[in-house]
């Protein structure tokens, strides 16, 4: 799938994974992460990721994949590896 990610995707993704490894699901409402698509702050409560990897806002997922194709976000995340 051809989804445009933020120009600093690799750094953002690495930092998101590190933060998740340190804090896990504690304080899920706090913006401790960044969306790999738009680069804006994100929290676990309003995002989709695999333990911080490929973390994207729910609204960025909806915009990129549409509501009808929502499961495609998980296929896209699998392709990131």
Protein backbone atom coordinates (compact mmCIF):
# COMPACT_ATOMS: atom_id res chain seq x y z
CA UNK A 1 0.00 0.00 0.00
CA UNK A 2 1.28 3.39 -0.93
CA UNK A 3 0.64 5.55 2.14
CA UNK A 4 2.77 8.66 2.60
CA UNK A 5 4.45 8.79 6.00
CA UNK A 6 6.13 11.70 7.79
CA UNK A 7 9.59 12.60 6.49
CA UNK A 8 11.05 11.69 9.93
CA UNK A 9 9.18 8.38 10.01
CA UNK A 10 12.15 6.24 11.12
CA UNK A 11 13.07 8.53 14.03
CA UNK A 12 9.44 8.95 15.13
CA UNK A 13 8.84 5.20 14.97
CA UNK A 14 12.01 4.43 16.93
CA UNK A 15 11.07 6.96 19.63
CA UNK A 16 7.51 5.63 19.83
CA UNK A 17 8.78 2.09 20.37
CA UNK A 18 11.22 3.28 23.06
CA UNK A 19 8.48 5.21 24.88
CA UNK A 20 6.16 2.22 24.73
CA UNK A 21 8.86 -0.11 26.06
CA UNK A 22 9.46 2.27 28.99
CA UNK A 23 5.87 3.14 29.85
CA UNK A 24 3.60 0.58 28.22
CA UNK A 25 -0.07 1.44 28.53
CA UNK A 26 0.29 3.68 31.59
CA UNK A 27 -1.50 7.03 31.29
CA UNK A 28 -3.00 6.20 27.88
CA UNK A 29 -4.58 9.66 27.55
CA UNK A 30 -1.22 11.49 27.56
CA UNK A 31 0.33 12.58 24.26
CA UNK A 32 3.66 10.76 24.73
CA UNK A 33 3.88 9.49 21.15
CA UNK A 34 3.82 10.95 17.62
CA UNK A 35 1.82 9.85 14.61
CA UNK A 36 4.07 8.42 11.88
CA UNK A 37 1.81 9.89 9.19
CA UNK A 38 1.27 13.50 10.31
CA UNK A 39 4.00 13.81 12.98
CA UNK A 40 1.65 15.38 15.53
CA UNK A 41 1.53 14.31 19.20
CA UNK A 42 -0.60 11.25 19.90
CA UNK A 43 -1.78 9.17 22.80
CA UNK A 44 -2.54 5.46 22.99
CA UNK A 45 -6.25 6.18 23.48
CA UNK A 46 -6.68 7.80 20.04
CA UNK A 47 -4.21 5.81 17.97
CA UNK A 48 -3.44 2.42 16.45
CA UNK A 49 -0.07 0.70 16.75
CA UNK A 50 1.74 -2.51 17.54
CA UNK A 51 3.47 -1.78 20.84
CA UNK A 52 4.32 1.72 19.56
CA UNK A 53 5.47 0.55 16.11
CA UNK A 54 3.73 2.25 13.19
CA UNK A 55 1.63 4.37 15.55
CA UNK A 56 -0.96 6.45 13.74
CA UNK A 57 -3.86 8.59 14.89
CA UNK A 58 -7.25 6.99 14.45
CA UNK A 59 -8.27 9.98 12.29
CA UNK A 60 -5.16 9.65 10.11
CA UNK A 61 -5.99 5.96 9.64
CA UNK A 62 -9.54 6.88 8.70
CA UNK A 63 -8.32 9.52 6.25
CA UNK A 64 -5.68 7.27 4.68
CA UNK A 65 -7.68 4.04 4.59
CA UNK A 66 -11.33 5.19 4.90
CA UNK A 67 -13.81 3.76 7.33
CA UNK A 68 -14.91 1.04 4.92
CA UNK A 69 -11.32 -0.21 4.54
CA UNK A 70 -10.31 0.16 8.18
CA UNK A 71 -8.78 -3.29 8.38
CA UNK A 72 -6.26 -2.28 5.71
CA UNK A 73 -4.41 -0.27 8.35
CA UNK A 74 -3.31 -3.54 9.94
CA UNK A 75 -2.12 -4.89 6.58
CA UNK A 76 -0.19 -1.64 6.07
CA UNK A 77 1.38 -1.92 9.53
CA UNK A 78 2.49 -5.49 8.74
CA UNK A 79 4.18 -4.22 5.57
CA UNK A 80 6.22 -1.68 7.58
CA UNK A 81 8.50 -4.44 8.83
